[in-house]
């Protein structure tokens, strides 16, 4: 057994959850937030047989697409008065961060 932990952007959560249900993959959803953009994320925890891990990874890869987004960086309050960072910048968001770990024991009660 493996534990697949996938962190995805909130915009992809419903579509990914539906894809897991369609593929008969049980997943636990946790609401989380990112540190850099401070935006909402969802973390999926999936306990799955070793041979089904590639299937899970393919679903995550297919659904969790990267996209471009504009953001305004925080304004610096330094004494120089330089506000060059106050303009929107384009960044890449989305996709997924996925961790796979071996499970020593798995019980359901």
PDB file of N, CA and C in Angstrom:
ATOM      1  N   UNK A   1       0.834  -1.185   0.000  1.00  0.00           N
ATOM      2  CA  UNK A   1       0.000   0.000   0.000  1.00  0.00           C
ATOM      3  C   UNK A   1       0.874   1.241   0.000  1.00  0.00           C
ATOM      4  N   UNK A   2       0.339   2.283  -0.612  1.00  0.00           N
ATOM      5  CA  UNK A   2       1.012   3.583  -0.646  1.00  0.00           C
ATOM      6  C   UNK A   2       0.052   4.649  -0.143  1.00  0.00           C
ATOM      7  N   UNK A   3       0.610   5.710   0.417  1.00  0.00           N
ATOM      8  CA  UNK A   3      -0.145   6.895   0.763  1.00  0.00           C
ATOM      9  C   UNK A   3       0.263   7.980  -0.216  1.00  0.00           C
ATOM     10  N   UNK A   4      -0.695   8.428  -1.024  1.00  0.00           N
ATOM     11  CA  UNK A   4      -0.457   9.514  -1.960  1.00  0.00           C
ATOM     12  C   UNK A   4      -1.068  10.771  -1.352  1.00  0.00           C
ATOM     13  N   UNK A   5      -0.251  11.786  -1.157  1.00  0.00           N
ATOM     14  CA  UNK A   5      -0.708  13.073  -0.638  1.00  0.00           C
ATOM     15  C   UNK A   5      -0.544  14.088  -1.759  1.00  0.00           C
ATOM     16  N   UNK A   6      -1.665  14.656  -2.205  1.00  0.00           N
ATOM     17  CA  UNK A   6      -1.641  15.595  -3.325  1.00  0.00           C
ATOM     18  C   UNK A   6      -2.195  16.938  -2.883  1.00  0.00           C
ATOM     19  N   UNK A   7      -1.416  17.988  -3.079  1.00  0.00           N
ATOM     20  CA  UNK A   7      -1.834  19.343  -2.743  1.00  0.00           C
ATOM     21  C   UNK A   7      -2.165  20.045  -4.056  1.00  0.00           C
ATOM     22  N   UNK A   8      -3.421  20.476  -4.198  1.00  0.00           N
ATOM     23  CA  UNK A   8      -3.881  21.106  -5.437  1.00  0.00           C
ATOM     24  C   UNK A   8      -4.561  22.431  -5.124  1.00  0.00           C
ATOM     25  N   UNK A   9      -4.630  23.288  -6.119  1.00  0.00           N
ATOM     26  CA  UNK A   9      -5.300  24.569  -5.965  1.00  0.00           C
ATOM     27  C   UNK A   9      -6.804  24.345  -5.843  1.00  0.00           C
ATOM     28  N   UNK A  10      -7.479  25.170  -5.057  1.00  0.00           N
ATOM     29  CA  UNK A  10      -8.917  25.020  -4.831  1.00  0.00           C
ATOM     30  C   UNK A  10      -9.721  24.971  -6.132  1.00  0.00           C
ATOM     31  N   UNK A  11      -9.266  25.661  -7.158  1.00  0.00           N
ATOM     32  CA  UNK A  11      -9.993  25.675  -8.434  1.00  0.00           C
ATOM     33  C   UNK A  11     -10.088  24.288  -9.062  1.00  0.00           C
ATOM     34  N   UNK A  12      -9.167  23.403  -8.717  1.00  0.00           N
ATOM     35  CA  UNK A  12      -9.153  22.053  -9.288  1.00  0.00           C
ATOM     36  C   UNK A  12      -9.805  21.010  -8.375  1.00  0.00           C
ATOM     37  N   UNK A  13     -10.205  21.395  -7.184  1.00  0.00           N
ATOM     38  CA  UNK A  13     -10.671  20.443  -6.174  1.00  0.00           C
ATOM     39  C   UNK A  13     -11.886  19.632  -6.609  1.00  0.00           C
ATOM     40  N   UNK A  14     -12.937  20.299  -7.054  1.00  0.00           N
ATOM     41  CA  UNK A  14     -14.178  19.597  -7.406  1.00  0.00           C
ATOM     42  C   UNK A  14     -13.963  18.656  -8.579  1.00  0.00           C
ATOM     43  N   UNK A  15     -13.267  19.131  -9.596  1.00  0.00           N
ATOM     44  CA  UNK A  15     -13.016  18.301 -10.774  1.00  0.00           C
ATOM     45  C   UNK A  15     -12.177  17.071 -10.407  1.00  0.00           C
ATOM     46  N   UNK A  16     -11.169  17.259  -9.560  1.00  0.00           N
ATOM     47  CA  UNK A  16     -10.318  16.141  -9.150  1.00  0.00           C
ATOM     48  C   UNK A  16     -11.094  15.159  -8.274  1.00  0.00           C
ATOM     49  N   UNK A  17     -11.879  15.681  -7.361  1.00  0.00           N
ATOM     50  CA  UNK A  17     -12.697  14.830  -6.505  1.00  0.00           C
ATOM     51  C   UNK A  17     -13.656  13.974  -7.341  1.00  0.00           C
ATOM     52  N   UNK A  18     -14.296  14.584  -8.331  1.00  0.00           N
ATOM     53  CA  UNK A  18     -15.198  13.847  -9.223  1.00  0.00           C
ATOM     54  C   UNK A  18     -14.460  12.779 -10.022  1.00  0.00           C
ATOM     55  N   UNK A  19     -13.245  13.088 -10.468  1.00  0.00           N
ATOM     56  CA  UNK A  19     -12.441  12.114 -11.220  1.00  0.00           C
ATOM     57  C   UNK A  19     -12.073  10.924 -10.330  1.00  0.00           C
ATOM     58  N   UNK A  20     -11.761  11.173  -9.056  1.00  0.00           N
ATOM     59  CA  UNK A  20     -11.463  10.083  -8.135  1.00  0.00           C
ATOM     60  C   UNK A  20     -12.691   9.196  -7.924  1.00  0.00           C
ATOM     61  N   UNK A  21     -13.858   9.796  -7.747  1.00  0.00           N
ATOM     62  CA  UNK A  21     -15.084   9.022  -7.539  1.00  0.00           C
ATOM     63  C   UNK A  21     -15.365   8.153  -8.763  1.00  0.00           C
ATOM     64  N   UNK A  22     -15.217   8.740  -9.949  1.00  0.00           N
ATOM     65  CA  UNK A  22     -15.462   8.006 -11.198  1.00  0.00           C
ATOM     66  C   UNK A  22     -14.521   6.807 -11.334  1.00  0.00           C
ATOM     67  N   UNK A  23     -13.290   6.955 -10.852  1.00  0.00           N
ATOM     68  CA  UNK A  23     -12.293   5.880 -10.945  1.00  0.00           C
ATOM     69  C   UNK A  23     -12.329   4.949  -9.735  1.00  0.00           C
ATOM     70  N   UNK A  24     -13.304   5.146  -8.851  1.00  0.00           N
ATOM     71  CA  UNK A  24     -13.435   4.333  -7.644  1.00  0.00           C
ATOM     72  C   UNK A  24     -12.184   4.417  -6.756  1.00  0.00           C
ATOM     73  N   UNK A  25     -11.717   5.653  -6.572  1.00  0.00           N
ATOM     74  CA  UNK A  25     -10.566   5.924  -5.712  1.00  0.00           C
ATOM     75  C   UNK A  25     -11.064   6.728  -4.524  1.00  0.00           C
ATOM     76  N   UNK A  26     -10.874   6.176  -3.334  1.00  0.00           N
ATOM     77  CA  UNK A  26     -11.296   6.870  -2.124  1.00  0.00           C
ATOM     78  C   UNK A  26     -10.223   7.865  -1.701  1.00  0.00           C
ATOM     79  N   UNK A  27     -10.655   9.074  -1.384  1.00  0.00           N
ATOM     80  CA  UNK A  27      -9.715  10.113  -0.981  1.00  0.00           C
ATOM     81  C   UNK A  27     -10.305  10.928   0.159  1.00  0.00           C
ATOM     82  N   UNK A  28      -9.455  11.355   1.064  1.00  0.00           N
ATOM     83  CA  UNK A  28      -9.847  12.253   2.141  1.00  0.00           C
ATOM     84  C   UNK A  28      -9.383  13.656   1.762  1.00  0.00           C
ATOM     85  N   UNK A  29     -10.305  14.613   1.824  1.00  0.00           N
ATOM     86  CA  UNK A  29      -9.998  16.006   1.467  1.00  0.00           C
ATOM     87  C   UNK A  29      -9.777  16.835   2.717  1.00  0.00           C
ATOM     88  N   UNK A  30      -8.705  17.619   2.706  1.00  0.00           N
ATOM     89  CA  UNK A  30      -8.403  18.542   3.798  1.00  0.00           C
ATOM     90  C   UNK A  30      -8.245  19.939   3.214  1.00  0.00           C
ATOM     91  N   UNK A  31      -8.884  20.922   3.828  1.00  0.00           N
ATOM     92  CA  UNK A  31      -8.697  22.307   3.390  1.00  0.00           C
ATOM     93  C   UNK A  31      -7.373  22.811   3.948  1.00  0.00           C
ATOM     94  N   UNK A  32      -6.528  23.331   3.067  1.00  0.00           N
ATOM     95  CA  UNK A  32      -5.227  23.847   3.476  1.00  0.00           C
ATOM     96  C   UNK A  32      -5.002  25.190   2.789  1.00  0.00           C
ATOM     97  N   UNK A  33      -3.944  25.875   3.152  1.00  0.00           N
ATOM     98  CA  UNK A  33      -3.626  27.136   2.483  1.00  0.00           C
ATOM     99  C   UNK A  33      -2.141  27.187   2.180  1.00  0.00           C
ATOM    100  N   UNK A  34      -1.827  27.842   1.064  1.00  0.00           N
ATOM    101  CA  UNK A  34      -0.444  27.954   0.635  1.00  0.00           C
ATOM    102  C   UNK A  34       0.273  29.077   1.362  1.00  0.00           C
ATOM    103  N   UNK A  35       1.567  28.958   1.464  1.00  0.00           N
ATOM    104  CA  UNK A  35       2.352  29.969   2.152  1.00  0.00           C
ATOM    105  C   UNK A  35       2.703  31.163   1.295  1.00  0.00           C
ATOM    106  N   UNK A  36       3.094  30.942   0.042  1.00  0.00           N
ATOM    107  CA  UNK A  36       3.565  32.037  -0.807  1.00  0.00           C
ATOM    108  C   UNK A  36       2.422  32.945  -1.249  1.00  0.00           C
ATOM    109  N   UNK A  37       1.380  32.370  -1.823  1.00  0.00           N
ATOM    110  CA  UNK A  37       0.265  33.181  -2.315  1.00  0.00           C
ATOM    111  C   UNK A  37      -0.838  33.345  -1.280  1.00  0.00           C
ATOM    112  N   UNK A  38      -0.746  32.607  -0.195  1.00  0.00           N
ATOM    113  CA  UNK A  38      -1.770  32.618   0.857  1.00  0.00           C
ATOM    114  C   UNK A  38      -3.158  32.348   0.276  1.00  0.00           C
ATOM    115  N   UNK A  39      -3.201  31.493  -0.701  1.00  0.00           N
ATOM    116  CA  UNK A  39      -4.479  31.149  -1.326  1.00  0.00           C
ATOM    117  C   UNK A  39      -4.900  29.753  -0.879  1.00  0.00           C
ATOM    118  N   UNK A  40      -6.169  29.457  -1.085  1.00  0.00           N
ATOM    119  CA  UNK A  40      -6.698  28.177  -0.653  1.00  0.00           C
ATOM    120  C   UNK A  40      -6.200  27.020  -1.488  1.00  0.00           C
ATOM    121  N   UNK A  41      -5.904  25.953  -0.818  1.00  0.00           N
ATOM    122  CA  UNK A  41      -5.516  24.699  -1.450  1.00  0.00           C
ATOM    123  C   UNK A  41      -6.365  23.593  -0.853  1.00  0.00           C
ATOM    124  N   UNK A  42      -6.339  22.456  -1.490  1.00  0.00           N
ATOM    125  CA  UNK A  42      -6.939  21.259  -0.929  1.00  0.00           C
ATOM    126  C   UNK A  42      -5.884  20.174  -0.948  1.00  0.00           C
ATOM    127  N   UNK A  43      -5.764  19.455   0.147  1.00  0.00           N
ATOM    128  CA  UNK A  43      -4.841  18.330   0.227  1.00  0.00           C
ATOM    129  C   UNK A  43      -5.665  17.051   0.221  1.00  0.00           C
ATOM    130  N   UNK A  44      -5.379  16.181  -0.736  1.00  0.00           N
ATOM    131  CA  UNK A  44      -6.029  14.881  -0.829  1.00  0.00           C
ATOM    132  C   UNK A  44      -5.088  13.835  -0.251  1.00  0.00           C
ATOM    133  N   UNK A  45      -5.613  12.977   0.618  1.00  0.00           N
ATOM    134  CA  UNK A  45      -4.848  11.854   1.152  1.00  0.00           C
ATOM    135  C   UNK A  45      -5.507  10.581   0.638  1.00  0.00           C
ATOM    136  N   UNK A  46      -4.715   9.756  -0.054  1.00  0.00           N
ATOM    137  CA  UNK A  46      -5.248   8.566  -0.719  1.00  0.00           C
ATOM    138  C   UNK A  46      -4.396   7.363  -0.334  1.00  0.00           C
ATOM    139  N   UNK A  47      -5.016   6.387   0.299  1.00  0.00           N
ATOM    140  CA  UNK A  47      -4.344   5.109   0.558  1.00  0.00           C
ATOM    141  C   UNK A  47      -4.755   4.181  -0.588  1.00  0.00           C
ATOM    142  N   UNK A  48      -3.763   3.674  -1.325  1.00  0.00           N
ATOM    143  CA  UNK A  48      -4.056   2.934  -2.559  1.00  0.00           C
ATOM    144  C   UNK A  48      -3.057   1.791  -2.737  1.00  0.00           C
ATOM    145  N   UNK A  49      -3.495   0.744  -3.416  1.00  0.00           N
ATOM    146  CA  UNK A  49      -2.608  -0.377  -3.710  1.00  0.00           C
ATOM    147  C   UNK A  49      -1.468   0.104  -4.619  1.00  0.00           C
ATOM    148  N   UNK A  50      -0.311  -0.506  -4.461  1.00  0.00           N
ATOM    149  CA  UNK A  50       0.877  -0.104  -5.223  1.00  0.00           C
ATOM    150  C   UNK A  50       0.623  -0.046  -6.727  1.00  0.00           C
ATOM    151  N   UNK A  51      -0.083  -1.046  -7.247  1.00  0.00           N
ATOM    152  CA  UNK A  51      -0.283  -1.120  -8.698  1.00  0.00           C
ATOM    153  C   UNK A  51      -1.222  -0.032  -9.233  1.00  0.00           C
ATOM    154  N   UNK A  52      -1.983   0.640  -8.351  1.00  0.00           N
ATOM    155  CA  UNK A  52      -2.901   1.691  -8.792  1.00  0.00           C
ATOM    156  C   UNK A  52      -2.305   3.095  -8.671  1.00  0.00           C
ATOM    157  N   UNK A  53      -1.099   3.194  -8.118  1.00  0.00           N
ATOM    158  CA  UNK A  53      -0.463   4.505  -7.955  1.00  0.00           C
ATOM    159  C   UNK A  53      -0.307   5.226  -9.298  1.00  0.00           C
ATOM    160  N   UNK A  54       0.164   4.573 -10.381  1.00  0.00           N
ATOM    161  CA  UNK A  54       0.266   5.283 -11.659  1.00  0.00           C
ATOM    162  C   UNK A  54      -1.090   5.833 -12.145  1.00  0.00           C
ATOM    163  N   UNK A  55      -2.162   5.111 -11.892  1.00  0.00           N
ATOM    164  CA  UNK A  55      -3.507   5.571 -12.262  1.00  0.00           C
ATOM    165  C   UNK A  55      -3.864   6.854 -11.501  1.00  0.00           C
ATOM    166  N   UNK A  56      -3.587   6.867 -10.201  1.00  0.00           N
ATOM    167  CA  UNK A  56      -3.852   8.051  -9.375  1.00  0.00           C
ATOM    168  C   UNK A  56      -3.025   9.230  -9.871  1.00  0.00           C
ATOM    169  N   UNK A  57      -1.753   8.987 -10.136  1.00  0.00           N
ATOM    170  CA  UNK A  57      -0.869  10.061 -10.606  1.00  0.00           C
ATOM    171  C   UNK A  57      -1.348  10.630 -11.943  1.00  0.00           C
ATOM    172  N   UNK A  58      -1.800   9.771 -12.832  1.00  0.00           N
ATOM    173  CA  UNK A  58      -2.278  10.221 -14.136  1.00  0.00           C
ATOM    174  C   UNK A  58      -3.523  11.093 -14.000  1.00  0.00           C
ATOM    175  N   UNK A  59      -4.434  10.710 -13.111  1.00  0.00           N
ATOM    176  CA  UNK A  59      -5.638  11.513 -12.876  1.00  0.00           C
ATOM    177  C   UNK A  59      -5.257  12.885 -12.328  1.00  0.00           C
ATOM    178  N   UNK A  60      -4.367  12.909 -11.345  1.00  0.00           N
ATOM    179  CA  UNK A  60      -3.932  14.179 -10.756  1.00  0.00           C
ATOM    180  C   UNK A  60      -3.281  15.047 -11.823  1.00  0.00           C
ATOM    181  N   UNK A  61      -2.399  14.460 -12.616  1.00  0.00           N
ATOM    182  CA  UNK A  61      -1.686  15.201 -13.656  1.00  0.00           C
ATOM    183  C   UNK A  61      -2.651  15.767 -14.703  1.00  0.00           C
ATOM    184  N   UNK A  62      -3.659  14.981 -15.068  1.00  0.00           N
ATOM    185  CA  UNK A  62      -4.613  15.399 -16.093  1.00  0.00           C
ATOM    186  C   UNK A  62      -5.505  16.539 -15.604  1.00  0.00           C
ATOM    187  N   UNK A  63      -5.942  16.473 -14.357  1.00  0.00           N
ATOM    188  CA  UNK A  63      -6.910  17.439 -13.830  1.00  0.00           C
ATOM    189  C   UNK A  63      -6.249  18.716 -13.307  1.00  0.00           C
ATOM    190  N   UNK A  64      -5.118  18.602 -12.656  1.00  0.00           N
ATOM    191  CA  UNK A  64      -4.488  19.745 -11.984  1.00  0.00           C
ATOM    192  C   UNK A  64      -3.551  20.476 -12.931  1.00  0.00           C
ATOM    193  N   UNK A  65      -4.116  21.351 -13.728  1.00  0.00           N
ATOM    194  CA  UNK A  65      -3.341  22.067 -14.733  1.00  0.00           C
ATOM    195  C   UNK A  65      -2.752  23.366 -14.181  1.00  0.00           C
ATOM    196  N   UNK A  66      -1.578  23.711 -14.677  1.00  0.00           N
ATOM    197  CA  UNK A  66      -0.973  24.994 -14.321  1.00  0.00           C
ATOM    198  C   UNK A  66      -1.637  26.081 -15.151  1.00  0.00           C
ATOM    199  N   UNK A  67      -1.721  27.281 -14.580  1.00  0.00           N
ATOM    200  CA  UNK A  67      -2.317  28.420 -15.279  1.00  0.00           C
ATOM    201  C   UNK A  67      -1.582  29.687 -14.869  1.00  0.00           C
ATOM    202  N   UNK A  68      -1.742  30.725 -15.669  1.00  0.00           N
ATOM    203  CA  UNK A  68      -1.129  32.020 -15.361  1.00  0.00           C
ATOM    204  C   UNK A  68      -2.117  32.852 -14.569  1.00  0.00           C
ATOM    205  N   UNK A  69      -1.597  33.655 -13.645  1.00  0.00           N
ATOM    206  CA  UNK A  69      -2.433  34.513 -12.815  1.00  0.00           C
ATOM    207  C   UNK A  69      -1.633  35.766 -12.484  1.00  0.00           C
ATOM    208  N   UNK A  70      -2.318  36.878 -12.351  1.00  0.00           N
ATOM    209  CA  UNK A  70      -1.655  38.109 -11.943  1.00  0.00           C
ATOM    210  C   UNK A  70      -1.848  38.304 -10.448  1.00  0.00           C
ATOM    211  N   UNK A  71      -0.798  38.794  -9.784  1.00  0.00           N
ATOM    212  CA  UNK A  71      -0.887  39.108  -8.366  1.00  0.00           C
ATOM    213  C   UNK A  71      -0.107  40.378  -8.089  1.00  0.00           C
ATOM    214  N   UNK A  72      -0.533  41.099  -7.078  1.00  0.00           N
ATOM    215  CA  UNK A  72       0.172  42.304  -6.654  1.00  0.00           C
ATOM    216  C   UNK A  72       0.997  41.927  -5.434  1.00  0.00           C
ATOM    217  N   UNK A  73       2.326  42.049  -5.554  1.00  0.00           N
ATOM    218  CA  UNK A  73       3.165  41.709  -4.402  1.00  0.00           C
ATOM    219  C   UNK A  73       2.902  42.672  -3.244  1.00  0.00           C
ATOM    220  N   UNK A  74       3.153  42.248  -2.018  1.00  0.00           N
ATOM    221  CA  UNK A  74       2.948  43.144  -0.872  1.00  0.00           C
ATOM    222  C   UNK A  74       3.800  44.396  -1.005  1.00  0.00           C
ATOM    223  N   UNK A  75       3.251  45.529  -0.607  1.00  0.00           N
ATOM    224  CA  UNK A  75       3.983  46.796  -0.685  1.00  0.00           C
ATOM    225  C   UNK A  75       4.967  46.867   0.465  1.00  0.00           C
ATOM    226  N   UNK A  76       6.200  47.193   0.129  1.00  0.00           N
ATOM    227  CA  UNK A  76       7.244  47.334   1.134  1.00  0.00           C
ATOM    228  C   UNK A  76       7.099  48.693   1.804  1.00  0.00           C
ATOM    229  N   UNK A  77       7.224  48.742   3.096  1.00  0.00           N
ATOM    230  CA  UNK A  77       7.109  49.996   3.836  1.00  0.00           C
ATOM    231  C   UNK A  77       8.477  50.514   4.268  1.00  0.00           C
ATOM    232  N   UNK A  78       9.483  50.314   3.415  1.00  0.00           N
ATOM    233  CA  UNK A  78      10.815  50.789   3.789  1.00  0.00           C
ATOM    234  C   UNK A  78      10.913  52.308   3.613  1.00  0.00           C
ATOM    235  N   UNK A  79      11.919  52.911   4.201  1.00  0.00           N
ATOM    236  CA  UNK A  79      12.074  54.367   4.220  1.00  0.00           C
ATOM    237  C   UNK A  79      12.427  54.942   2.853  1.00  0.00           C
ATOM    238  N   UNK A  80      12.919  54.138   1.928  1.00  0.00           N
ATOM    239  CA  UNK A  80      13.341  54.669   0.635  1.00  0.00           C
ATOM    240  C   UNK A  80      12.159  55.132  -0.208  1.00  0.00           C
ATOM    241  N   UNK A  81      10.954  54.669   0.105  1.00  0.00           N
ATOM    242  CA  UNK A  81       9.774  55.079  -0.660  1.00  0.00           C
ATOM    243  C   UNK A  81       9.664  54.383  -1.995  1.00  0.00           C
ATOM    244  N   UNK A  82      10.480  53.365  -2.217  1.00  0.00           N
ATOM    245  CA  UNK A  82      10.457  52.636  -3.487  1.00  0.00           C
ATOM    246  C   UNK A  82       9.248  51.710  -3.516  1.00  0.00           C
ATOM    247  N   UNK A  83       8.310  51.974  -4.400  1.00  0.00           N
ATOM    248  CA  UNK A  83       7.104  51.169  -4.528  1.00  0.00           C
ATOM    249  C   UNK A  83       7.104  50.412  -5.850  1.00  0.00           C
ATOM    250  N   UNK A  84       8.272  50.040  -6.338  1.00  0.00           N
ATOM    251  CA  UNK A  84       8.377  49.361  -7.634  1.00  0.00           C
ATOM    252  C   UNK A  84       7.642  48.026  -7.641  1.00  0.00           C
ATOM    253  N   UNK A  85       7.487  47.416  -6.482  1.00  0.00           N
ATOM    254  CA  UNK A  85       6.829  46.119  -6.423  1.00  0.00           C
ATOM    255  C   UNK A  85       5.313  46.197  -6.331  1.00  0.00           C
ATOM    256  N   UNK A  86       4.729  47.393  -6.468  1.00  0.00           N
ATOM    257  CA  UNK A  86       3.296  47.567  -6.295  1.00  0.00           C
ATOM    258  C   UNK A  86       2.495  47.258  -7.558  1.00  0.00           C
ATOM    259  N   UNK A  87       3.134  46.864  -8.624  1.00  0.00           N
ATOM    260  CA  UNK A  87       2.438  46.569  -9.870  1.00  0.00           C
ATOM    261  C   UNK A  87       2.186  45.074  -9.988  1.00  0.00           C
ATOM    262  N   UNK A  88       1.076  44.695 -10.608  1.00  0.00           N
ATOM    263  CA  UNK A  88       0.790  43.270 -10.758  1.00  0.00           C
ATOM    264  C   UNK A  88       1.880  42.561 -11.563  1.00  0.00           C
ATOM    265  N   UNK A  89       2.183  41.344 -11.148  1.00  0.00           N
ATOM    266  CA  UNK A  89       3.132  40.521 -11.881  1.00  0.00           C
ATOM    267  C   UNK A  89       2.438  39.217 -12.250  1.00  0.00           C
ATOM    268  N   UNK A  90       2.850  38.634 -13.360  1.00  0.00           N
ATOM    269  CA  UNK A  90       2.264  37.376 -13.797  1.00  0.00           C
ATOM    270  C   UNK A  90       3.042  36.215 -13.193  1.00  0.00           C
ATOM    271  N   UNK A  91       2.307  35.288 -12.593  1.00  0.00           N
ATOM    272  CA  UNK A  91       2.931  34.118 -11.991  1.00  0.00           C
ATOM    273  C   UNK A  91       2.216  32.861 -12.472  1.00  0.00           C
ATOM    274  N   UNK A  92       2.854  31.730 -12.319  1.00  0.00           N
ATOM    275  CA  UNK A  92       2.258  30.448 -12.678  1.00  0.00           C
ATOM    276  C   UNK A  92       1.722  29.791 -11.414  1.00  0.00           C
ATOM    277  N   UNK A  93       0.439  29.407 -11.444  1.00  0.00           N
ATOM    278  CA  UNK A  93      -0.186  28.748 -10.295  1.00  0.00           C
ATOM    279  C   UNK A  93      -0.825  27.450 -10.753  1.00  0.00           C
ATOM    280  N   UNK A  94      -1.303  26.686  -9.813  1.00  0.00           N
ATOM    281  CA  UNK A  94      -1.985  25.441 -10.150  1.00  0.00           C
ATOM    282  C   UNK A  94      -1.014  24.282 -10.182  1.00  0.00           C
ATOM    283  N   UNK A  95      -1.419  23.261 -10.897  1.00  0.00           N
ATOM    284  CA  UNK A  95      -0.628  22.043 -10.888  1.00  0.00           C
ATOM    285  C   UNK A  95      -0.847  21.324  -9.566  1.00  0.00           C
ATOM    286  N   UNK A  96       0.034  20.453  -9.234  1.00  0.00           N
ATOM    287  CA  UNK A  96      -0.094  19.696  -7.987  1.00  0.00           C
ATOM    288  C   UNK A  96       1.285  19.387  -7.426  1.00  0.00           C
ATOM    289  N   UNK A  97       1.350  19.321  -6.120  1.00  0.00           N
ATOM    290  CA  UNK A  97       2.529  18.828  -5.429  1.00  0.00           C
ATOM    291  C   UNK A  97       2.110  17.492  -4.824  1.00  0.00           C
ATOM    292  N   UNK A  98       2.814  16.428  -5.179  1.00  0.00           N
ATOM    293  CA  UNK A  98       2.387  15.083  -4.791  1.00  0.00           C
ATOM    294  C   UNK A  98       3.526  14.358  -4.076  1.00  0.00           C
ATOM    295  N   UNK A  99       3.187  13.757  -2.945  1.00  0.00           N
ATOM    296  CA  UNK A  99       4.120  12.943  -2.182  1.00  0.00           C
ATOM    297  C   UNK A  99       3.578  11.516  -2.156  1.00  0.00           C
ATOM    298  N   UNK A 100       4.456  10.541  -2.309  1.00  0.00           N
ATOM    299  CA  UNK A 100       4.068   9.137  -2.218  1.00  0.00           C
ATOM    300  C   UNK A 100       4.937   8.471  -1.151  1.00  0.00           C
ATOM    301  N   UNK A 101       4.265   7.786  -0.211  1.00  0.00           N
ATOM    302  CA  UNK A 101       4.969   7.130   0.885  1.00  0.00           C
ATOM    303  C   UNK A 101       4.460   5.702   1.028  1.00  0.00           C
ATOM    304  N   UNK A 102       5.320   4.829   1.489  1.00  0.00           N
ATOM    305  CA  UNK A 102       4.902   3.462   1.784  1.00  0.00           C
ATOM    306  C   UNK A 102       4.120   3.442   3.093  1.00  0.00           C
ATOM    307  N   UNK A 103       3.115   2.585   3.141  1.00  0.00           N
ATOM    308  CA  UNK A 103       2.311   2.413   4.347  1.00  0.00           C
ATOM    309  C   UNK A 103       2.670   1.057   4.964  1.00  0.00           C
ATOM    310  N   UNK A 104       3.082   1.086   6.213  1.00  0.00           N
ATOM    311  CA  UNK A 104       3.405  -0.149   6.921  1.00  0.00           C
ATOM    312  C   UNK A 104       2.148  -0.904   7.342  1.00  0.00           C
ATOM    313  N   UNK A 105       1.110  -0.145   7.705  1.00  0.00           N
ATOM    314  CA  UNK A 105      -0.127  -0.755   8.169  1.00  0.00           C
ATOM    315  C   UNK A 105      -1.298   0.092   7.718  1.00  0.00           C
ATOM    316  N   UNK A 106      -2.403  -0.571   7.342  1.00  0.00           N
ATOM    317  CA  UNK A 106      -3.600   0.137   6.914  1.00  0.00           C
ATOM    318  C   UNK A 106      -4.821  -0.578   7.478  1.00  0.00           C
ATOM    319  N   UNK A 107      -5.589   0.128   8.289  1.00  0.00           N
ATOM    320  CA  UNK A 107      -6.778  -0.454   8.924  1.00  0.00           C
ATOM    321  C   UNK A 107      -7.969   0.456   8.668  1.00  0.00           C
ATOM    322  N   UNK A 108      -9.133  -0.135   8.491  1.00  0.00           N
ATOM    323  CA  UNK A 108     -10.381   0.623   8.410  1.00  0.00           C
ATOM    324  C   UNK A 108     -11.333   0.073   9.451  1.00  0.00           C
ATOM    325  N   UNK A 109     -11.920   0.936  10.250  1.00  0.00           N
ATOM    326  CA  UNK A 109     -12.827   0.511  11.314  1.00  0.00           C
ATOM    327  C   UNK A 109     -14.192   1.121  11.084  1.00  0.00           C
TER     328      UNK A 109
END
